Amino acid sequence: MPKAPMSAEMLEQTREKILDTALDIIIDEGFNNLSVRKIASRLGVTATTIYNYYTNKDELNLMIRMRGFEKLHSHLTEGAGDIEDLETRFAAMIRAYVAFGRTYPSYYDIMFNLHTPKYLDYVGTGIEPVARQEKENALRCLSMFMEPIDAYLPAGGEKKRAFVLHQIVRFWSDLHGLVTLCNSRLLHEVLEDVEDFVERRTLELTFQISDLKQRIDRGERLF
């Protein structure tokens, strides 16, 4: 008798297993050593089975990254909730970002640390549309930090947007450093109480937003 068709739930579970396995290989061996045959071997299936779900390793890379940014966006959304106060909202999103990075270190690495192809590497190729979708998912996360300041800051125009982007990227670089040093366990080599440091650094990053808010409220010319 022919096999019964797989349910939508089973198909999704198979897709997730393939992505999880591909992610493990990238983390363990690097993107250049990822192959469909290696994934198939780990899962005990044929390479043809993998090709039924994904075109090639570049699509796998992008889908893993897309999945990671979807998880991050979900964390940020849940953290921010309906909070309107700028400082409180940022404090909640900072905690959500740190929690995501520490809970999903493999995803965090492939999204922000590892040398894997990104959107610009795929421009002009057949997979560019998928790469563009992955980049849009990433930018949604960035926008969650930019939009509250953009809305709070008076005036408009390109200079304003450039100023807000600079502030958020500067802020993000500090936040990224915190997560990366935690995940690498380098902080554990030099600090006795890492959790206390993470909490204090989280508060200090929130104070950066508080300081910016106060400067806006004083009517300083910021850009």
C-alpha atoms as a PDB file:
ATOM      1  CA  MET A   1       0.000   0.000   0.000  1.00  0.00           C
ATOM      2  CA  PRO A   2       1.227   3.521  -0.745  1.00  0.00           C
ATOM      3  CA  LYS A   3       2.208   5.636   2.221  1.00  0.00           C
ATOM      4  CA  ALA A   4      -0.435   7.978   3.554  1.00  0.00           C
ATOM      5  CA  PRO A   5       0.394  11.618   2.807  1.00  0.00           C
ATOM      6  CA  MET A   6       2.066  13.478   5.647  1.00  0.00           C
ATOM      7  CA  SER A   7      -0.066  15.910   7.595  1.00  0.00           C
ATOM      8  CA  ALA A   8       0.748  19.626   7.560  1.00  0.00           C
ATOM      9  CA  GLU A   9       2.008  19.256  11.129  1.00  0.00           C
ATOM     10  CA  MET A  10       4.341  16.390  10.190  1.00  0.00           C
ATOM     11  CA  LEU A  11       5.651  18.313   7.183  1.00  0.00           C
ATOM     12  CA  GLU A  12       6.442  21.287   9.399  1.00  0.00           C
ATOM     13  CA  GLN A  13       8.155  19.071  11.962  1.00  0.00           C
ATOM     14  CA  THR A  14      10.338  17.609   9.203  1.00  0.00           C
ATOM     15  CA  ARG A  15      11.231  21.080   7.941  1.00  0.00           C
ATOM     16  CA  GLU A  16      12.209  22.089  11.475  1.00  0.00           C
ATOM     17  CA  LYS A  17      14.351  18.982  11.969  1.00  0.00           C
ATOM     18  CA  ILE A  18      16.219  19.750   8.761  1.00  0.00           C
ATOM     19  CA  LEU A  19      16.812  23.363   9.841  1.00  0.00           C
ATOM     20  CA  ASP A  20      17.891  22.309  13.329  1.00  0.00           C
ATOM     21  CA  THR A  21      20.366  19.815  11.872  1.00  0.00           C
ATOM     22  CA  ALA A  22      21.721  22.364   9.386  1.00  0.00           C
ATOM     23  CA  LEU A  23      22.160  24.873  12.213  1.00  0.00           C
ATOM     24  CA  ASP A  24      24.073  22.318  14.307  1.00  0.00           C
ATOM     25  CA  ILE A  25      26.436  21.614  11.414  1.00  0.00           C
ATOM     26  CA  ILE A  26      27.059  25.310  10.762  1.00  0.00           C
ATOM     27  CA  ILE A  27      27.808  25.905  14.447  1.00  0.00           C
ATOM     28  CA  ASP A  28      30.054  22.828  14.720  1.00  0.00           C
ATOM     29  CA  GLU A  29      31.819  22.918  11.372  1.00  0.00           C
ATOM     30  CA  GLY A  30      31.117  26.263   9.687  1.00  0.00           C
ATOM     31  CA  PHE A  31      28.893  27.193   6.771  1.00  0.00           C
ATOM     32  CA  ASN A  32      31.440  26.113   4.160  1.00  0.00           C
ATOM     33  CA  ASN A  33      31.233  22.547   5.488  1.00  0.00           C
ATOM     34  CA  LEU A  34      27.447  22.413   5.359  1.00  0.00           C
ATOM     35  CA  SER A  35      26.035  20.112   2.678  1.00  0.00           C
ATOM     36  CA  VAL A  36      22.691  18.526   1.925  1.00  0.00           C
ATOM     37  CA  ARG A  37      24.313  15.075   2.010  1.00  0.00           C
ATOM     38  CA  LYS A  38      25.721  15.735   5.479  1.00  0.00           C
ATOM     39  CA  ILE A  39      22.294  16.796   6.745  1.00  0.00           C
ATOM     40  CA  ALA A  40      20.712  13.719   5.184  1.00  0.00           C
ATOM     41  CA  SER A  41      23.325  11.460   6.798  1.00  0.00           C
ATOM     42  CA  ARG A  42      22.669  12.888  10.256  1.00  0.00           C
ATOM     43  CA  LEU A  43      18.904  12.478   9.837  1.00  0.00           C
ATOM     44  CA  GLY A  44      19.160   9.004   8.309  1.00  0.00           C
ATOM     45  CA  VAL A  45      17.389   9.959   5.098  1.00  0.00           C
ATOM     46  CA  THR A  46      18.378  10.432   1.458  1.00  0.00           C
ATOM     47  CA  ALA A  47      19.576  13.738   0.021  1.00  0.00           C
ATOM     48  CA  THR A  48      16.490  13.648  -2.208  1.00  0.00           C
ATOM     49  CA  THR A  49      14.333  13.889   0.901  1.00  0.00           C
ATOM     50  CA  ILE A  50      16.061  17.128   1.909  1.00  0.00           C
ATOM     51  CA  TYR A  51      15.640  18.533  -1.598  1.00  0.00           C
ATOM     52  CA  ASN A  52      11.896  17.952  -1.277  1.00  0.00           C
ATOM     53  CA  TYR A  53      11.918  20.714   1.327  1.00  0.00           C
ATOM     54  CA  TYR A  54      14.827  23.017   0.498  1.00  0.00           C
ATOM     55  CA  THR A  55      16.599  23.923  -2.743  1.00  0.00           C
ATOM     56  CA  ASN A  56      20.175  24.126  -1.473  1.00  0.00           C
ATOM     57  CA  LYS A  57      22.333  25.083   1.477  1.00  0.00           C
ATOM     58  CA  ASP A  58      21.923  28.797   0.754  1.00  0.00           C
ATOM     59  CA  GLU A  59      18.176  28.524   1.206  1.00  0.00           C
ATOM     60  CA  LEU A  60      18.794  26.607   4.428  1.00  0.00           C
ATOM     61  CA  ASN A  61      21.079  29.384   5.660  1.00  0.00           C
ATOM     62  CA  LEU A  62      18.466  32.045   4.923  1.00  0.00           C
ATOM     63  CA  MET A  63      15.593  30.072   6.412  1.00  0.00           C
ATOM     64  CA  ILE A  64      17.565  29.486   9.621  1.00  0.00           C
ATOM     65  CA  ARG A  65      18.311  33.203   9.856  1.00  0.00           C
ATOM     66  CA  MET A  66      14.694  34.064   9.075  1.00  0.00           C
ATOM     67  CA  ARG A  67      13.499  31.687  11.772  1.00  0.00           C
ATOM     68  CA  GLY A  68      15.917  33.274  14.242  1.00  0.00           C
ATOM     69  CA  PHE A  69      14.715  36.809  13.517  1.00  0.00           C
ATOM     70  CA  GLU A  70      11.120  35.662  13.844  1.00  0.00           C
ATOM     71  CA  LYS A  71      11.951  34.295  17.291  1.00  0.00           C
ATOM     72  CA  LEU A  72      13.719  37.529  18.237  1.00  0.00           C
ATOM     73  CA  HIS A  73      10.811  39.656  16.997  1.00  0.00           C
ATOM     74  CA  SER A  74       8.420  37.535  19.032  1.00  0.00           C
ATOM     75  CA  HIS A  75      10.574  38.021  22.162  1.00  0.00           C
ATOM     76  CA  LEU A  76      10.729  41.782  21.611  1.00  0.00           C
ATOM     77  CA  THR A  77       6.994  42.028  20.950  1.00  0.00           C
ATOM     78  CA  GLU A  78       6.116  40.078  24.064  1.00  0.00           C
ATOM     79  CA  GLY A  79       8.563  42.126  26.105  1.00  0.00           C
ATOM     80  CA  ALA A  80       7.314  45.488  24.864  1.00  0.00           C
ATOM     81  CA  GLY A  81       3.651  44.570  25.110  1.00  0.00           C
ATOM     82  CA  ASP A  82       1.499  47.697  25.192  1.00  0.00           C
ATOM     83  CA  ILE A  83       4.062  49.775  27.108  1.00  0.00           C
ATOM     84  CA  GLU A  84       4.044  53.365  25.902  1.00  0.00           C
ATOM     85  CA  ASP A  85       6.582  54.986  28.244  1.00  0.00           C
ATOM     86  CA  LEU A  86       9.849  55.214  26.291  1.00  0.00           C
ATOM     87  CA  GLU A  87      12.236  54.186  29.067  1.00  0.00           C
ATOM     88  CA  THR A  88      10.066  51.349  30.362  1.00  0.00           C
ATOM     89  CA  ARG A  89       9.524  50.036  26.844  1.00  0.00           C
ATOM     90  CA  PHE A  90      13.246  50.041  26.104  1.00  0.00           C
ATOM     91  CA  ALA A  91      14.072  48.348  29.402  1.00  0.00           C
ATOM     92  CA  ALA A  92      11.615  45.571  28.560  1.00  0.00           C
ATOM     93  CA  MET A  93      13.029  45.127  25.050  1.00  0.00           C
ATOM     94  CA  ILE A  94      16.616  45.112  26.326  1.00  0.00           C
ATOM     95  CA  ARG A  95      15.741  42.295  28.709  1.00  0.00           C
ATOM     96  CA  ALA A  96      13.925  40.450  25.918  1.00  0.00           C
ATOM     97  CA  TYR A  97      16.924  40.804  23.575  1.00  0.00           C
ATOM     98  CA  VAL A  98      19.374  39.536  26.197  1.00  0.00           C
ATOM     99  CA  ALA A  99      17.034  36.664  27.092  1.00  0.00           C
ATOM    100  CA  PHE A 100      16.747  35.664  23.443  1.00  0.00           C
ATOM    101  CA  GLY A 101      20.498  35.745  22.893  1.00  0.00           C
ATOM    102  CA  ARG A 102      21.231  33.656  25.961  1.00  0.00           C
ATOM    103  CA  THR A 103      18.365  31.210  25.409  1.00  0.00           C
ATOM    104  CA  TYR A 104      19.152  30.619  21.728  1.00  0.00           C
ATOM    105  CA  PRO A 105      22.944  31.033  21.464  1.00  0.00           C
ATOM    106  CA  SER A 106      23.211  29.036  18.223  1.00  0.00           C
ATOM    107  CA  TYR A 107      20.623  31.202  16.510  1.00  0.00           C
ATOM    108  CA  TYR A 108      22.270  34.304  17.919  1.00  0.00           C
ATOM    109  CA  ASP A 109      25.629  33.234  16.518  1.00  0.00           C
ATOM    110  CA  ILE A 110      24.356  32.586  13.002  1.00  0.00           C
ATOM    111  CA  MET A 111      22.355  35.832  13.034  1.00  0.00           C
ATOM    112  CA  PHE A 112      25.089  38.107  14.371  1.00  0.00           C
ATOM    113  CA  ASN A 113      28.475  36.453  14.782  1.00  0.00           C
ATOM    114  CA  LEU A 114      29.264  33.765  12.243  1.00  0.00           C
ATOM    115  CA  HIS A 115      30.599  34.477   8.773  1.00  0.00           C
ATOM    116  CA  THR A 116      27.676  33.191   6.699  1.00  0.00           C
ATOM    117  CA  PRO A 117      26.237  34.730   3.505  1.00  0.00           C
ATOM    118  CA  LYS A 118      23.768  37.570   3.973  1.00  0.00           C
ATOM    119  CA  TYR A 119      21.475  39.611   1.754  1.00  0.00           C
ATOM    120  CA  LEU A 120      24.163  41.517  -0.139  1.00  0.00           C
ATOM    121  CA  ASP A 121      25.881  38.237  -0.991  1.00  0.00           C
ATOM    122  CA  TYR A 122      22.737  37.027  -2.742  1.00  0.00           C
ATOM    123  CA  VAL A 123      21.852  40.150  -4.733  1.00  0.00           C
ATOM    124  CA  GLY A 124      21.583  39.266  -8.404  1.00  0.00           C
ATOM    125  CA  THR A 125      21.165  35.540  -7.738  1.00  0.00           C
ATOM    126  CA  GLY A 126      18.084  33.347  -8.032  1.00  0.00           C
ATOM    127  CA  ILE A 127      17.713  33.268  -4.262  1.00  0.00           C
ATOM    128  CA  GLU A 128      17.664  37.063  -3.842  1.00  0.00           C
ATOM    129  CA  PRO A 129      13.874  37.175  -3.140  1.00  0.00           C
ATOM    130  CA  VAL A 130      14.303  34.819  -0.164  1.00  0.00           C
ATOM    131  CA  ALA A 131      17.314  36.835   0.995  1.00  0.00           C
ATOM    132  CA  ARG A 132      15.282  40.031   0.783  1.00  0.00           C
ATOM    133  CA  GLN A 133      12.550  38.492   2.937  1.00  0.00           C
ATOM    134  CA  GLU A 134      15.168  37.438   5.499  1.00  0.00           C
ATOM    135  CA  LYS A 135      16.569  40.972   5.596  1.00  0.00           C
ATOM    136  CA  GLU A 136      13.089  42.440   6.043  1.00  0.00           C
ATOM    137  CA  ASN A 137      12.576  40.149   9.040  1.00  0.00           C
ATOM    138  CA  ALA A 138      15.831  41.411  10.514  1.00  0.00           C
ATOM    139  CA  LEU A 139      14.894  45.050   9.915  1.00  0.00           C
ATOM    140  CA  ARG A 140      11.565  44.512  11.693  1.00  0.00           C
ATOM    141  CA  CYS A 141      13.544  43.816  14.848  1.00  0.00           C
ATOM    142  CA  LEU A 142      15.684  46.918  14.338  1.00  0.00           C
ATOM    143  CA  SER A 143      12.558  49.010  13.761  1.00  0.00           C
ATOM    144  CA  MET A 144      11.168  48.002  17.137  1.00  0.00           C
ATOM    145  CA  PHE A 145      14.026  49.942  18.733  1.00  0.00           C
ATOM    146  CA  MET A 146      13.994  52.815  16.239  1.00  0.00           C
ATOM    147  CA  GLU A 147      10.270  53.579  16.060  1.00  0.00           C
ATOM    148  CA  PRO A 148       9.713  54.649  19.699  1.00  0.00           C
ATOM    149  CA  ILE A 149      12.552  57.194  19.518  1.00  0.00           C
ATOM    150  CA  ASP A 150      11.511  58.306  16.046  1.00  0.00           C
ATOM    151  CA  ALA A 151       7.976  58.941  17.313  1.00  0.00           C
ATOM    152  CA  TYR A 152       9.187  60.715  20.454  1.00  0.00           C
ATOM    153  CA  LEU A 153      11.669  62.965  18.669  1.00  0.00           C
ATOM    154  CA  PRO A 154      10.083  66.094  17.153  1.00  0.00           C
ATOM    155  CA  ALA A 155      10.567  67.167  13.541  1.00  0.00           C
ATOM    156  CA  GLY A 156      11.337  64.802  10.694  1.00  0.00           C
ATOM    157  CA  GLY A 157      13.372  64.315   7.558  1.00  0.00           C
ATOM    158  CA  GLU A 158      16.436  62.345   6.576  1.00  0.00           C
ATOM    159  CA  LYS A 159      18.701  63.982   9.164  1.00  0.00           C
ATOM    160  CA  LYS A 160      16.372  62.835  11.919  1.00  0.00           C
ATOM    161  CA  ARG A 161      16.272  59.281  10.591  1.00  0.00           C
ATOM    162  CA  ALA A 162      20.061  59.181  10.258  1.00  0.00           C
ATOM    163  CA  PHE A 163      20.414  60.429  13.841  1.00  0.00           C
ATOM    164  CA  VAL A 164      17.983  57.817  15.214  1.00  0.00           C
ATOM    165  CA  LEU A 165      19.666  55.024  13.257  1.00  0.00           C
ATOM    166  CA  HIS A 166      23.096  56.066  14.555  1.00  0.00           C
ATOM    167  CA  GLN A 167      21.841  56.090  18.151  1.00  0.00           C
ATOM    168  CA  ILE A 168      20.233  52.672  17.851  1.00  0.00           C
ATOM    169  CA  VAL A 169      23.205  51.024  16.121  1.00  0.00           C
ATOM    170  CA  ARG A 170      25.527  52.499  18.770  1.00  0.00           C
ATOM    171  CA  PHE A 171      23.188  51.181  21.444  1.00  0.00           C
ATOM    172  CA  TRP A 172      22.876  47.807  19.694  1.00  0.00           C
ATOM    173  CA  SER A 173      26.673  47.399  19.532  1.00  0.00           C
ATOM    174  CA  ASP A 174      26.806  47.638  23.333  1.00  0.00           C
ATOM    175  CA  LEU A 175      23.909  45.229  23.726  1.00  0.00           C
ATOM    176  CA  HIS A 176      25.443  42.771  21.273  1.00  0.00           C
ATOM    177  CA  GLY A 177      28.734  42.869  23.151  1.00  0.00           C
ATOM    178  CA  LEU A 178      26.958  41.985  26.387  1.00  0.00           C
ATOM    179  CA  VAL A 179      25.211  38.958  24.889  1.00  0.00           C
ATOM    180  CA  THR A 180      28.288  37.735  23.005  1.00  0.00           C
ATOM    181  CA  LEU A 181      30.565  37.961  26.044  1.00  0.00           C
ATOM    182  CA  CYS A 182      27.977  36.082  28.102  1.00  0.00           C
ATOM    183  CA  ASN A 183      27.565  33.335  25.535  1.00  0.00           C
ATOM    184  CA  SER A 184      31.312  32.918  25.027  1.00  0.00           C
ATOM    185  CA  ARG A 185      31.635  32.602  28.820  1.00  0.00           C
ATOM    186  CA  LEU A 186      34.464  35.121  28.806  1.00  0.00           C
ATOM    187  CA  LEU A 187      32.587  37.145  31.418  1.00  0.00           C
ATOM    188  CA  HIS A 188      32.615  34.071  33.650  1.00  0.00           C
ATOM    189  CA  GLU A 189      36.411  34.084  33.524  1.00  0.00           C
ATOM    190  CA  VAL A 190      36.751  37.600  34.927  1.00  0.00           C
ATOM    191  CA  LEU A 191      33.624  38.196  37.017  1.00  0.00           C
ATOM    192  CA  GLU A 192      32.400  36.393  40.100  1.00  0.00           C
ATOM    193  CA  ASP A 193      28.758  37.346  39.583  1.00  0.00           C
ATOM    194  CA  VAL A 194      27.891  37.456  35.898  1.00  0.00           C
ATOM    195  CA  GLU A 195      24.149  37.749  36.488  1.00  0.00           C
ATOM    196  CA  ASP A 196      24.655  40.843  38.626  1.00  0.00           C
ATOM    197  CA  PHE A 197      26.794  42.393  35.900  1.00  0.00           C
ATOM    198  CA  VAL A 198      24.171  41.624  33.239  1.00  0.00           C
ATOM    199  CA  GLU A 199      21.500  43.247  35.404  1.00  0.00           C
ATOM    200  CA  ARG A 200      23.616  46.340  36.069  1.00  0.00           C
ATOM    201  CA  ARG A 201      24.595  46.647  32.401  1.00  0.00           C
ATOM    202  CA  THR A 202      20.948  46.342  31.412  1.00  0.00           C
ATOM    203  CA  LEU A 203      20.106  49.244  33.686  1.00  0.00           C
ATOM    204  CA  GLU A 204      23.003  51.295  32.312  1.00  0.00           C
ATOM    205  CA  LEU A 205      21.806  50.736  28.746  1.00  0.00           C
ATOM    206  CA  THR A 206      18.347  51.870  29.810  1.00  0.00           C
ATOM    207  CA  PHE A 207      19.915  55.011  31.295  1.00  0.00           C
ATOM    208  CA  GLN A 208      21.372  55.777  27.841  1.00  0.00           C
ATOM    209  CA  ILE A 209      17.837  55.964  26.503  1.00  0.00           C
ATOM    210  CA  SER A 210      16.775  57.984  29.536  1.00  0.00           C
ATOM    211  CA  ASP A 211      19.576  60.469  28.868  1.00  0.00           C
ATOM    212  CA  LEU A 212      18.548  60.784  25.224  1.00  0.00           C
ATOM    213  CA  LYS A 213      14.936  61.329  26.284  1.00  0.00           C
ATOM    214  CA  GLN A 214      15.993  64.084  28.698  1.00  0.00           C
ATOM    215  CA  ARG A 215      18.003  65.813  25.978  1.00  0.00           C
ATOM    216  CA  ILE A 216      14.969  65.721  23.690  1.00  0.00           C
ATOM    217  CA  ASP A 217      12.749  67.083  26.488  1.00  0.00           C
ATOM    218  CA  ARG A 218      15.204  69.957  27.073  1.00  0.00           C
ATOM    219  CA  GLY A 219      14.874  70.872  23.430  1.00  0.00           C
ATOM    220  CA  GLU A 220      18.537  70.300  22.600  1.00  0.00           C
ATOM    221  CA  ARG A 221      19.487  70.387  18.950  1.00  0.00           C
ATOM    222  CA  LEU A 222      20.544  66.827  18.399  1.00  0.00           C
ATOM    223  CA  PHE A 223      21.066  66.725  14.644  1.00  0.00           C
END
